[in-house]
């Protein structure tokens, strides 16, 4: 059985204006308050439940794809499966993941590294020449929200141009949530991929924007949704390649925090949490129950990142 894949979908609309609406990225020349191009569709952040089978197979094709990465801004990206981030994969502890990687890029080599697996990298993480393929097989022995990314050097460039994604391995006994979303945070570097100017921005850590699921400010235009009283789980993976995240939802308190394979807070505890802080390549989830109808912004609480694209909205009815 193939893995559930999170790509595309959703609706196109704008949230109501309020005091938390973000505007243009300061100094970057991007108008994040502008509209997206006609026909643009946001990437669905909804996370399907883990499949019931124990062996999950998927094919990822490394290829170049031009996509809209900010309102009205198109960029060539290096991708797994035509999207940046690549498909989100999900399973449970003990499951086998069998991923076939095919290098469709005619001009350069690519590889892949799944942090969720433990195995010698010599062969499965080797660089494939154009036209080559390999099967990467691993058992998910540990739960968590894991990063995968291109394993070919220079990894800063391959990851900075879109070659990353998430693998969700459910903790045993994971309680049911009314809604689950997955948000992969990353940096955006505009320009010709691999060019001297773009690489300089990567090495100086001066991105043009920060984003969730590969598009700056997309969930400000197309909010996530929930209903008052529902328990909502947000899985977050920090893809970087150089910056982490402090994930915060305005107007709520997290009563559950799961970070790097361990619960830091559970619903019965007396304490609460305001952010999920993740270094580059880390992952986890938080849960909250929205108290009433309204518009709840979510941000990277490093406000440089929030103002430059790492923000969105949850519309609660």
C-alpha atoms as a PDB file:
ATOM      1  CA  UNK A   1       0.000   0.000   0.000  1.00  0.00           C
ATOM      2  CA  UNK A   2       1.287   3.452  -0.797  1.00  0.00           C
ATOM      3  CA  UNK A   3       1.721   6.065   1.899  1.00  0.00           C
ATOM      4  CA  UNK A   4      -0.740   8.858   2.413  1.00  0.00           C
ATOM      5  CA  UNK A   5       0.699  11.930   0.685  1.00  0.00           C
ATOM      6  CA  UNK A   6      -0.115  15.505   1.632  1.00  0.00           C
ATOM      7  CA  UNK A   7      -0.094  17.649  -1.503  1.00  0.00           C
ATOM      8  CA  UNK A   8      -2.263  20.393  -2.966  1.00  0.00           C
ATOM      9  CA  UNK A   9      -5.926  21.004  -2.269  1.00  0.00           C
ATOM     10  CA  UNK A  10      -7.656  23.561  -0.071  1.00  0.00           C
ATOM     11  CA  UNK A  11      -9.566  26.689  -0.877  1.00  0.00           C
ATOM     12  CA  UNK A  12      -8.527  30.172  -1.834  1.00  0.00           C
ATOM     13  CA  UNK A  13      -9.692  33.045   0.323  1.00  0.00           C
ATOM     14  CA  UNK A  14      -8.595  35.879   2.606  1.00  0.00           C
ATOM     15  CA  UNK A  15      -9.024  36.074   6.384  1.00  0.00           C
ATOM     16  CA  UNK A  16     -10.841  38.962   7.961  1.00  0.00           C
ATOM     17  CA  UNK A  17      -8.563  41.843   8.854  1.00  0.00           C
ATOM     18  CA  UNK A  18      -7.515  42.212  12.466  1.00  0.00           C
ATOM     19  CA  UNK A  19      -4.700  43.567  14.557  1.00  0.00           C
ATOM     20  CA  UNK A  20      -2.481  40.558  13.886  1.00  0.00           C
ATOM     21  CA  UNK A  21      -2.491  40.725  10.072  1.00  0.00           C
ATOM     22  CA  UNK A  22       1.062  40.685   8.686  1.00  0.00           C
ATOM     23  CA  UNK A  23       2.112  42.889   5.760  1.00  0.00           C
ATOM     24  CA  UNK A  24       5.119  43.011   3.452  1.00  0.00           C
ATOM     25  CA  UNK A  25       8.458  41.439   4.296  1.00  0.00           C
ATOM     26  CA  UNK A  26      10.596  44.355   5.497  1.00  0.00           C
ATOM     27  CA  UNK A  27      13.453  45.126   3.154  1.00  0.00           C
ATOM     28  CA  UNK A  28      12.871  42.080   0.981  1.00  0.00           C
ATOM     29  CA  UNK A  29      10.815  43.575  -1.851  1.00  0.00           C
ATOM     30  CA  UNK A  30       8.051  40.996  -1.406  1.00  0.00           C
ATOM     31  CA  UNK A  31       4.478  42.214  -0.955  1.00  0.00           C
ATOM     32  CA  UNK A  32       3.086  39.459   1.243  1.00  0.00           C
ATOM     33  CA  UNK A  33      -0.256  41.270   1.517  1.00  0.00           C
ATOM     34  CA  UNK A  34      -0.769  40.992  -2.267  1.00  0.00           C
ATOM     35  CA  UNK A  35      -2.940  38.350  -3.885  1.00  0.00           C
ATOM     36  CA  UNK A  36      -1.670  35.106  -5.338  1.00  0.00           C
ATOM     37  CA  UNK A  37      -1.897  34.451  -9.061  1.00  0.00           C
ATOM     38  CA  UNK A  38      -5.148  33.379 -10.668  1.00  0.00           C
ATOM     39  CA  UNK A  39      -5.659  29.652 -10.249  1.00  0.00           C
ATOM     40  CA  UNK A  40      -3.218  29.364  -7.337  1.00  0.00           C
ATOM     41  CA  UNK A  41      -4.127  26.742  -4.758  1.00  0.00           C
ATOM     42  CA  UNK A  42      -2.617  26.474  -1.259  1.00  0.00           C
ATOM     43  CA  UNK A  43      -0.965  23.291  -0.125  1.00  0.00           C
ATOM     44  CA  UNK A  44      -3.264  21.347   2.167  1.00  0.00           C
ATOM     45  CA  UNK A  45      -1.868  21.192   5.695  1.00  0.00           C
ATOM     46  CA  UNK A  46      -4.367  18.524   6.752  1.00  0.00           C
ATOM     47  CA  UNK A  47      -2.644  15.336   7.897  1.00  0.00           C
ATOM     48  CA  UNK A  48      -4.441  12.050   7.150  1.00  0.00           C
ATOM     49  CA  UNK A  49      -4.387   9.280   9.741  1.00  0.00           C
ATOM     50  CA  UNK A  50      -1.605   6.714   9.549  1.00  0.00           C
ATOM     51  CA  UNK A  51      -2.411   3.856   7.151  1.00  0.00           C
ATOM     52  CA  UNK A  52      -3.290   0.539   8.766  1.00  0.00           C
ATOM     53  CA  UNK A  53      -0.647  -1.567   6.996  1.00  0.00           C
ATOM     54  CA  UNK A  54       2.886  -2.135   8.313  1.00  0.00           C
ATOM     55  CA  UNK A  55       4.770  -1.751   5.022  1.00  0.00           C
ATOM     56  CA  UNK A  56       4.508   1.593   3.240  1.00  0.00           C
ATOM     57  CA  UNK A  57       5.792   2.130  -0.266  1.00  0.00           C
ATOM     58  CA  UNK A  58       6.209   5.422  -2.096  1.00  0.00           C
ATOM     59  CA  UNK A  59       8.095   6.740  -5.102  1.00  0.00           C
ATOM     60  CA  UNK A  60       9.834  10.101  -4.954  1.00  0.00           C
ATOM     61  CA  UNK A  61      11.177  11.623  -8.169  1.00  0.00           C
ATOM     62  CA  UNK A  62      13.865  14.309  -7.843  1.00  0.00           C
ATOM     63  CA  UNK A  63      13.029  16.991 -10.382  1.00  0.00           C
ATOM     64  CA  UNK A  64      12.987  20.733 -10.985  1.00  0.00           C
ATOM     65  CA  UNK A  65       9.609  22.463 -10.754  1.00  0.00           C
ATOM     66  CA  UNK A  66       8.606  26.123 -11.025  1.00  0.00           C
ATOM     67  CA  UNK A  67       6.044  27.089  -8.378  1.00  0.00           C
ATOM     68  CA  UNK A  68       4.568  30.184  -6.725  1.00  0.00           C
ATOM     69  CA  UNK A  69       6.508  30.627  -3.481  1.00  0.00           C
ATOM     70  CA  UNK A  70       5.023  33.979  -2.362  1.00  0.00           C
ATOM     71  CA  UNK A  71       2.164  36.157  -3.666  1.00  0.00           C
ATOM     72  CA  UNK A  72       2.874  36.696  -7.366  1.00  0.00           C
ATOM     73  CA  UNK A  73       6.424  35.301  -7.110  1.00  0.00           C
ATOM     74  CA  UNK A  74       7.429  32.170  -9.036  1.00  0.00           C
ATOM     75  CA  UNK A  75      10.676  30.325  -8.465  1.00  0.00           C
ATOM     76  CA  UNK A  76      12.338  27.202  -9.817  1.00  0.00           C
ATOM     77  CA  UNK A  77      12.710  24.715  -6.974  1.00  0.00           C
ATOM     78  CA  UNK A  78      14.558  21.405  -6.675  1.00  0.00           C
ATOM     79  CA  UNK A  79      11.938  18.980  -5.392  1.00  0.00           C
ATOM     80  CA  UNK A  80      10.995  15.484  -4.316  1.00  0.00           C
ATOM     81  CA  UNK A  81       7.850  14.672  -6.278  1.00  0.00           C
ATOM     82  CA  UNK A  82       7.296  18.145  -7.710  1.00  0.00           C
ATOM     83  CA  UNK A  83       6.549  19.912  -4.415  1.00  0.00           C
ATOM     84  CA  UNK A  84       8.639  21.693  -1.808  1.00  0.00           C
ATOM     85  CA  UNK A  85       8.374  20.350   0.827  1.00  0.00           C
ATOM     86  CA  UNK A  86       8.076  16.855  -0.606  1.00  0.00           C
ATOM     87  CA  UNK A  87       5.197  14.526   0.271  1.00  0.00           C
ATOM     88  CA  UNK A  88       4.510  14.017   3.977  1.00  0.00           C
ATOM     89  CA  UNK A  89       4.765  10.328   4.926  1.00  0.00           C
ATOM     90  CA  UNK A  90       3.123   8.786   7.986  1.00  0.00           C
ATOM     91  CA  UNK A  91       3.238   5.513   9.866  1.00  0.00           C
ATOM     92  CA  UNK A  92       3.577   3.969  13.313  1.00  0.00           C
ATOM     93  CA  UNK A  93       6.440   2.537  15.360  1.00  0.00           C
ATOM     94  CA  UNK A  94       7.709  -0.700  13.822  1.00  0.00           C
ATOM     95  CA  UNK A  95       6.453   0.065  10.316  1.00  0.00           C
ATOM     96  CA  UNK A  96       8.661  -0.493   7.270  1.00  0.00           C
ATOM     97  CA  UNK A  97       9.121   2.404   4.840  1.00  0.00           C
ATOM     98  CA  UNK A  98      10.223   1.436   1.331  1.00  0.00           C
ATOM     99  CA  UNK A  99      10.960   4.552  -0.695  1.00  0.00           C
ATOM    100  CA  UNK A 100      12.021   4.413  -4.331  1.00  0.00           C
ATOM    101  CA  UNK A 101      14.033   7.493  -5.286  1.00  0.00           C
ATOM    102  CA  UNK A 102      14.359   8.303  -8.985  1.00  0.00           C
ATOM    103  CA  UNK A 103      16.620  11.124 -10.193  1.00  0.00           C
ATOM    104  CA  UNK A 104      14.753  12.856 -13.026  1.00  0.00           C
ATOM    105  CA  UNK A 105      17.017  15.917 -12.887  1.00  0.00           C
ATOM    106  CA  UNK A 106      18.977  15.904 -16.177  1.00  0.00           C
ATOM    107  CA  UNK A 107      21.737  18.174 -14.908  1.00  0.00           C
ATOM    108  CA  UNK A 108      22.851  17.053 -11.434  1.00  0.00           C
ATOM    109  CA  UNK A 109      22.967  14.302  -8.860  1.00  0.00           C
ATOM    110  CA  UNK A 110      20.603  13.939  -5.885  1.00  0.00           C
ATOM    111  CA  UNK A 111      20.219  11.619  -2.909  1.00  0.00           C
ATOM    112  CA  UNK A 112      18.016  11.309   0.159  1.00  0.00           C
ATOM    113  CA  UNK A 113      18.435  10.985   3.933  1.00  0.00           C
ATOM    114  CA  UNK A 114      15.554   9.900   6.187  1.00  0.00           C
ATOM    115  CA  UNK A 115      16.225  10.910   9.787  1.00  0.00           C
ATOM    116  CA  UNK A 116      13.512   8.468  10.917  1.00  0.00           C
ATOM    117  CA  UNK A 117      15.684   5.470   9.998  1.00  0.00           C
ATOM    118  CA  UNK A 118      18.902   4.121  11.488  1.00  0.00           C
ATOM    119  CA  UNK A 119      21.252   2.508   8.962  1.00  0.00           C
ATOM    120  CA  UNK A 120      24.701   3.003   7.489  1.00  0.00           C
ATOM    121  CA  UNK A 121      24.457   5.862   4.966  1.00  0.00           C
ATOM    122  CA  UNK A 122      27.033   4.499   2.497  1.00  0.00           C
ATOM    123  CA  UNK A 123      24.631   3.014  -0.053  1.00  0.00           C
ATOM    124  CA  UNK A 124      21.062   4.283   0.641  1.00  0.00           C
ATOM    125  CA  UNK A 125      22.177   7.916   0.939  1.00  0.00           C
ATOM    126  CA  UNK A 126      24.548   7.859  -2.031  1.00  0.00           C
ATOM    127  CA  UNK A 127      24.209  10.421  -4.815  1.00  0.00           C
ATOM    128  CA  UNK A 128      22.286   9.221  -7.866  1.00  0.00           C
ATOM    129  CA  UNK A 129      23.336  10.403 -11.276  1.00  0.00           C
ATOM    130  CA  UNK A 130      20.636  11.599 -13.700  1.00  0.00           C
ATOM    131  CA  UNK A 131      18.363   8.701 -14.608  1.00  0.00           C
ATOM    132  CA  UNK A 132      19.431   6.436 -11.735  1.00  0.00           C
ATOM    133  CA  UNK A 133      17.176   5.009  -9.014  1.00  0.00           C
ATOM    134  CA  UNK A 134      17.499   3.276  -5.666  1.00  0.00           C
ATOM    135  CA  UNK A 135      15.247   1.725  -3.021  1.00  0.00           C
ATOM    136  CA  UNK A 136      15.699   3.162   0.478  1.00  0.00           C
ATOM    137  CA  UNK A 137      14.228   0.765   3.067  1.00  0.00           C
ATOM    138  CA  UNK A 138      14.150   1.358   6.817  1.00  0.00           C
ATOM    139  CA  UNK A 139      12.160   0.381   9.895  1.00  0.00           C
ATOM    140  CA  UNK A 140      10.734   3.227  11.994  1.00  0.00           C
ATOM    141  CA  UNK A 141      11.884   2.096  15.431  1.00  0.00           C
ATOM    142  CA  UNK A 142      11.217   5.419  17.178  1.00  0.00           C
ATOM    143  CA  UNK A 143       8.267   7.808  17.191  1.00  0.00           C
ATOM    144  CA  UNK A 144       8.582  11.451  16.270  1.00  0.00           C
ATOM    145  CA  UNK A 145       8.218  14.139  13.642  1.00  0.00           C
ATOM    146  CA  UNK A 146      11.219  13.554  11.419  1.00  0.00           C
ATOM    147  CA  UNK A 147      12.971  15.443   8.642  1.00  0.00           C
ATOM    148  CA  UNK A 148      14.079  13.958   5.341  1.00  0.00           C
ATOM    149  CA  UNK A 149      16.243  15.857   2.879  1.00  0.00           C
ATOM    150  CA  UNK A 150      18.627  15.587  -0.050  1.00  0.00           C
ATOM    151  CA  UNK A 151      21.890  13.944   1.002  1.00  0.00           C
ATOM    152  CA  UNK A 152      24.006  15.336  -1.846  1.00  0.00           C
ATOM    153  CA  UNK A 153      26.613  18.001  -1.137  1.00  0.00           C
ATOM    154  CA  UNK A 154      26.409  20.909  -0.832  1.00  0.00           C
ATOM    155  CA  UNK A 155      23.330  20.082   1.245  1.00  0.00           C
ATOM    156  CA  UNK A 156      22.806  23.757   2.119  1.00  0.00           C
ATOM    157  CA  UNK A 157      21.971  24.420  -1.539  1.00  0.00           C
ATOM    158  CA  UNK A 158      19.874  21.298  -2.112  1.00  0.00           C
ATOM    159  CA  UNK A 159      17.815  21.859   1.036  1.00  0.00           C
ATOM    160  CA  UNK A 160      17.673  25.626   0.503  1.00  0.00           C
ATOM    161  CA  UNK A 161      16.163  25.015  -2.924  1.00  0.00           C
ATOM    162  CA  UNK A 162      13.352  22.776  -1.656  1.00  0.00           C
ATOM    163  CA  UNK A 163      14.638  19.229  -1.196  1.00  0.00           C
ATOM    164  CA  UNK A 164      13.157  18.385   2.204  1.00  0.00           C
ATOM    165  CA  UNK A 165      10.025  16.876   3.725  1.00  0.00           C
ATOM    166  CA  UNK A 166       8.506  15.283   6.834  1.00  0.00           C
ATOM    167  CA  UNK A 167       7.923  11.761   8.109  1.00  0.00           C
ATOM    168  CA  UNK A 168       5.430  11.418  10.959  1.00  0.00           C
ATOM    169  CA  UNK A 169       5.774   8.306  13.133  1.00  0.00           C
ATOM    170  CA  UNK A 170       2.951   8.217  15.673  1.00  0.00           C
ATOM    171  CA  UNK A 171       3.810   7.637  19.337  1.00  0.00           C
ATOM    172  CA  UNK A 172       2.204   4.424  20.674  1.00  0.00           C
ATOM    173  CA  UNK A 173      -1.260   5.106  22.052  1.00  0.00           C
ATOM    174  CA  UNK A 174      -1.544   8.520  20.383  1.00  0.00           C
ATOM    175  CA  UNK A 175      -4.938   9.932  21.380  1.00  0.00           C
ATOM    176  CA  UNK A 176      -7.386  10.994  18.702  1.00  0.00           C
ATOM    177  CA  UNK A 177      -7.528  14.674  17.803  1.00  0.00           C
ATOM    178  CA  UNK A 178     -10.459  16.312  16.023  1.00  0.00           C
ATOM    179  CA  UNK A 179      -8.093  17.809  13.426  1.00  0.00           C
ATOM    180  CA  UNK A 180      -4.426  17.355  12.622  1.00  0.00           C
ATOM    181  CA  UNK A 181      -2.238  19.710  10.615  1.00  0.00           C
ATOM    182  CA  UNK A 182       1.392  19.422   9.537  1.00  0.00           C
ATOM    183  CA  UNK A 183       3.518  22.545   9.076  1.00  0.00           C
ATOM    184  CA  UNK A 184       7.071  22.324   7.729  1.00  0.00           C
ATOM    185  CA  UNK A 185       8.949  25.573   8.323  1.00  0.00           C
ATOM    186  CA  UNK A 186      11.755  26.687   6.016  1.00  0.00           C
ATOM    187  CA  UNK A 187      13.606  29.605   4.477  1.00  0.00           C
ATOM    188  CA  UNK A 188      13.120  31.005   0.973  1.00  0.00           C
ATOM    189  CA  UNK A 189      16.072  32.040  -1.172  1.00  0.00           C
ATOM    190  CA  UNK A 190      15.042  33.687  -4.426  1.00  0.00           C
ATOM    191  CA  UNK A 191      17.205  33.704  -7.546  1.00  0.00           C
ATOM    192  CA  UNK A 192      18.579  31.189  -9.988  1.00  0.00           C
ATOM    193  CA  UNK A 193      19.152  27.947  -8.042  1.00  0.00           C
ATOM    194  CA  UNK A 194      22.848  27.379  -7.462  1.00  0.00           C
ATOM    195  CA  UNK A 195      23.859  30.813  -8.734  1.00  0.00           C
ATOM    196  CA  UNK A 196      26.616  32.764  -7.012  1.00  0.00           C
ATOM    197  CA  UNK A 197      24.127  35.389  -5.747  1.00  0.00           C
ATOM    198  CA  UNK A 198      21.720  32.824  -4.319  1.00  0.00           C
ATOM    199  CA  UNK A 199      24.446  30.753  -2.686  1.00  0.00           C
ATOM    200  CA  UNK A 200      25.869  33.910  -1.080  1.00  0.00           C
ATOM    201  CA  UNK A 201      22.483  34.575   0.570  1.00  0.00           C
ATOM    202  CA  UNK A 202      22.394  31.006   1.886  1.00  0.00           C
ATOM    203  CA  UNK A 203      25.893  31.202   3.345  1.00  0.00           C
ATOM    204  CA  UNK A 204      25.176  34.597   4.920  1.00  0.00           C
ATOM    205  CA  UNK A 205      21.783  33.332   6.209  1.00  0.00           C
ATOM    206  CA  UNK A 206      19.882  36.234   4.644  1.00  0.00           C
ATOM    207  CA  UNK A 207      16.768  34.620   3.139  1.00  0.00           C
ATOM    208  CA  UNK A 208      14.146  36.560   1.210  1.00  0.00           C
ATOM    209  CA  UNK A 209      11.330  35.108   3.340  1.00  0.00           C
ATOM    210  CA  UNK A 210      10.390  32.408   5.822  1.00  0.00           C
ATOM    211  CA  UNK A 211       7.470  30.090   5.129  1.00  0.00           C
ATOM    212  CA  UNK A 212       5.241  27.214   6.145  1.00  0.00           C
ATOM    213  CA  UNK A 213       4.830  24.309   3.716  1.00  0.00           C
ATOM    214  CA  UNK A 214       6.869  25.962   0.996  1.00  0.00           C
ATOM    215  CA  UNK A 215       4.914  29.184   0.389  1.00  0.00           C
ATOM    216  CA  UNK A 216       5.308  32.459   2.296  1.00  0.00           C
ATOM    217  CA  UNK A 217       2.053  33.752   3.851  1.00  0.00           C
ATOM    218  CA  UNK A 218      -0.141  31.170   2.119  1.00  0.00           C
ATOM    219  CA  UNK A 219      -2.243  30.406   5.204  1.00  0.00           C
ATOM    220  CA  UNK A 220      -2.927  34.100   5.730  1.00  0.00           C
ATOM    221  CA  UNK A 221      -4.729  33.966   2.361  1.00  0.00           C
ATOM    222  CA  UNK A 222      -6.184  30.475   2.856  1.00  0.00           C
ATOM    223  CA  UNK A 223      -6.687  29.937   6.609  1.00  0.00           C
ATOM    224  CA  UNK A 224      -6.716  26.568   8.317  1.00  0.00           C
ATOM    225  CA  UNK A 225     -10.088  25.781   9.869  1.00  0.00           C
ATOM    226  CA  UNK A 226     -11.468  24.346  13.101  1.00  0.00           C
ATOM    227  CA  UNK A 227     -14.550  24.526  15.299  1.00  0.00           C
ATOM    228  CA  UNK A 228     -14.789  25.907  18.829  1.00  0.00           C
ATOM    229  CA  UNK A 229     -14.206  23.170  21.395  1.00  0.00           C
ATOM    230  CA  UNK A 230     -12.283  20.929  18.997  1.00  0.00           C
ATOM    231  CA  UNK A 231      -8.905  19.501  19.910  1.00  0.00           C
ATOM    232  CA  UNK A 232      -6.417  20.418  17.185  1.00  0.00           C
ATOM    233  CA  UNK A 233      -2.957  18.910  16.839  1.00  0.00           C
ATOM    234  CA  UNK A 234      -0.213  20.821  14.994  1.00  0.00           C
ATOM    235  CA  UNK A 235       2.762  18.750  13.873  1.00  0.00           C
ATOM    236  CA  UNK A 236       5.761  20.995  13.154  1.00  0.00           C
ATOM    237  CA  UNK A 237       9.092  20.137  11.512  1.00  0.00           C
ATOM    238  CA  UNK A 238      11.858  22.730  11.176  1.00  0.00           C
ATOM    239  CA  UNK A 239      13.508  22.075   7.801  1.00  0.00           C
ATOM    240  CA  UNK A 240      15.798  25.124   7.981  1.00  0.00           C
ATOM    241  CA  UNK A 241      18.217  24.749   6.374  1.00  0.00           C
ATOM    242  CA  UNK A 242      19.696  27.203   8.908  1.00  0.00           C
ATOM    243  CA  UNK A 243      16.882  28.576  11.109  1.00  0.00           C
ATOM    244  CA  UNK A 244      14.672  26.889  13.682  1.00  0.00           C
ATOM    245  CA  UNK A 245      11.225  28.017  14.807  1.00  0.00           C
ATOM    246  CA  UNK A 246       9.244  29.118  17.876  1.00  0.00           C
ATOM    247  CA  UNK A 247       5.717  28.037  16.872  1.00  0.00           C
ATOM    248  CA  UNK A 248       2.935  30.005  18.573  1.00  0.00           C
ATOM    249  CA  UNK A 249      -0.831  30.299  18.085  1.00  0.00           C
ATOM    250  CA  UNK A 250      -2.195  33.681  19.226  1.00  0.00           C
ATOM    251  CA  UNK A 251      -5.125  33.426  21.649  1.00  0.00           C
ATOM    252  CA  UNK A 252      -4.508  29.860  22.785  1.00  0.00           C
ATOM    253  CA  UNK A 253      -2.482  27.906  25.316  1.00  0.00           C
ATOM    254  CA  UNK A 254      -1.015  24.521  24.412  1.00  0.00           C
ATOM    255  CA  UNK A 255      -1.965  21.785  26.872  1.00  0.00           C
ATOM    256  CA  UNK A 256       0.102  19.123  25.088  1.00  0.00           C
ATOM    257  CA  UNK A 257       3.722  19.389  23.933  1.00  0.00           C
ATOM    258  CA  UNK A 258       5.593  16.524  22.268  1.00  0.00           C
ATOM    259  CA  UNK A 259       9.124  17.341  21.163  1.00  0.00           C
ATOM    260  CA  UNK A 260      11.862  15.124  19.755  1.00  0.00           C
ATOM    261  CA  UNK A 261      10.248  11.856  20.839  1.00  0.00           C
ATOM    262  CA  UNK A 262       9.062  12.816  24.328  1.00  0.00           C
ATOM    263  CA  UNK A 263       6.036  14.427  25.977  1.00  0.00           C
ATOM    264  CA  UNK A 264       6.921  17.609  27.834  1.00  0.00           C
ATOM    265  CA  UNK A 265       3.275  18.367  28.729  1.00  0.00           C
ATOM    266  CA  UNK A 266       0.007  16.413  28.748  1.00  0.00           C
ATOM    267  CA  UNK A 267      -3.624  17.574  29.049  1.00  0.00           C
ATOM    268  CA  UNK A 268      -3.953  16.536  32.723  1.00  0.00           C
ATOM    269  CA  UNK A 269      -0.947  18.589  33.800  1.00  0.00           C
ATOM    270  CA  UNK A 270      -1.426  21.928  35.559  1.00  0.00           C
ATOM    271  CA  UNK A 271       1.008  23.822  33.373  1.00  0.00           C
ATOM    272  CA  UNK A 272       0.627  25.192  29.860  1.00  0.00           C
ATOM    273  CA  UNK A 273       2.918  26.070  26.988  1.00  0.00           C
ATOM    274  CA  UNK A 274       3.096  29.095  24.693  1.00  0.00           C
ATOM    275  CA  UNK A 275       5.554  27.930  22.005  1.00  0.00           C
ATOM    276  CA  UNK A 276       7.009  24.803  20.460  1.00  0.00           C
ATOM    277  CA  UNK A 277      10.680  25.681  20.032  1.00  0.00           C
ATOM    278  CA  UNK A 278      12.610  23.630  17.485  1.00  0.00           C
ATOM    279  CA  UNK A 279      16.181  23.833  16.249  1.00  0.00           C
ATOM    280  CA  UNK A 280      16.846  23.074  12.569  1.00  0.00           C
ATOM    281  CA  UNK A 281      15.934  19.423  11.778  1.00  0.00           C
ATOM    282  CA  UNK A 282      13.874  18.961  14.966  1.00  0.00           C
ATOM    283  CA  UNK A 283      10.160  18.149  15.102  1.00  0.00           C
ATOM    284  CA  UNK A 284       7.200  17.569  17.371  1.00  0.00           C
ATOM    285  CA  UNK A 285       3.578  18.506  17.946  1.00  0.00           C
ATOM    286  CA  UNK A 286       1.402  20.668  20.157  1.00  0.00           C
ATOM    287  CA  UNK A 287      -2.319  20.504  20.897  1.00  0.00           C
ATOM    288  CA  UNK A 288      -4.888  23.083  21.886  1.00  0.00           C
ATOM    289  CA  UNK A 289      -8.658  23.408  22.228  1.00  0.00           C
ATOM    290  CA  UNK A 290      -9.952  26.617  20.680  1.00  0.00           C
ATOM    291  CA  UNK A 291     -12.194  28.292  23.279  1.00  0.00           C
ATOM    292  CA  UNK A 292     -14.545  30.210  20.968  1.00  0.00           C
ATOM    293  CA  UNK A 293     -15.161  31.282  17.393  1.00  0.00           C
ATOM    294  CA  UNK A 294     -12.749  33.778  15.896  1.00  0.00           C
ATOM    295  CA  UNK A 295      -9.548  34.227  13.933  1.00  0.00           C
ATOM    296  CA  UNK A 296      -6.394  32.879  15.606  1.00  0.00           C
ATOM    297  CA  UNK A 297      -3.088  33.836  13.941  1.00  0.00           C
ATOM    298  CA  UNK A 298      -0.178  31.424  14.119  1.00  0.00           C
ATOM    299  CA  UNK A 299       3.408  32.604  13.770  1.00  0.00           C
ATOM    300  CA  UNK A 300       7.040  31.853  14.196  1.00  0.00           C
ATOM    301  CA  UNK A 301       7.546  33.987  17.295  1.00  0.00           C
ATOM    302  CA  UNK A 302      10.897  35.163  16.013  1.00  0.00           C
ATOM    303  CA  UNK A 303       9.146  38.266  14.692  1.00  0.00           C
ATOM    304  CA  UNK A 304      11.653  38.769  11.887  1.00  0.00           C
ATOM    305  CA  UNK A 305      10.445  35.465  10.500  1.00  0.00           C
ATOM    306  CA  UNK A 306       6.773  36.141  11.205  1.00  0.00           C
ATOM    307  CA  UNK A 307       6.795  39.507   9.445  1.00  0.00           C
ATOM    308  CA  UNK A 308       8.642  37.986   6.498  1.00  0.00           C
ATOM    309  CA  UNK A 309       6.218  35.190   5.691  1.00  0.00           C
ATOM    310  CA  UNK A 310       6.114  32.701   8.591  1.00  0.00           C
ATOM    311  CA  UNK A 311       2.543  33.440   9.594  1.00  0.00           C
ATOM    312  CA  UNK A 312      -0.963  32.183   8.951  1.00  0.00           C
ATOM    313  CA  UNK A 313      -4.457  31.994  10.393  1.00  0.00           C
ATOM    314  CA  UNK A 314      -6.819  29.451  11.915  1.00  0.00           C
ATOM    315  CA  UNK A 315     -10.457  30.360  11.290  1.00  0.00           C
ATOM    316  CA  UNK A 316     -12.564  28.898  14.110  1.00  0.00           C
ATOM    317  CA  UNK A 317     -16.349  28.669  13.701  1.00  0.00           C
END
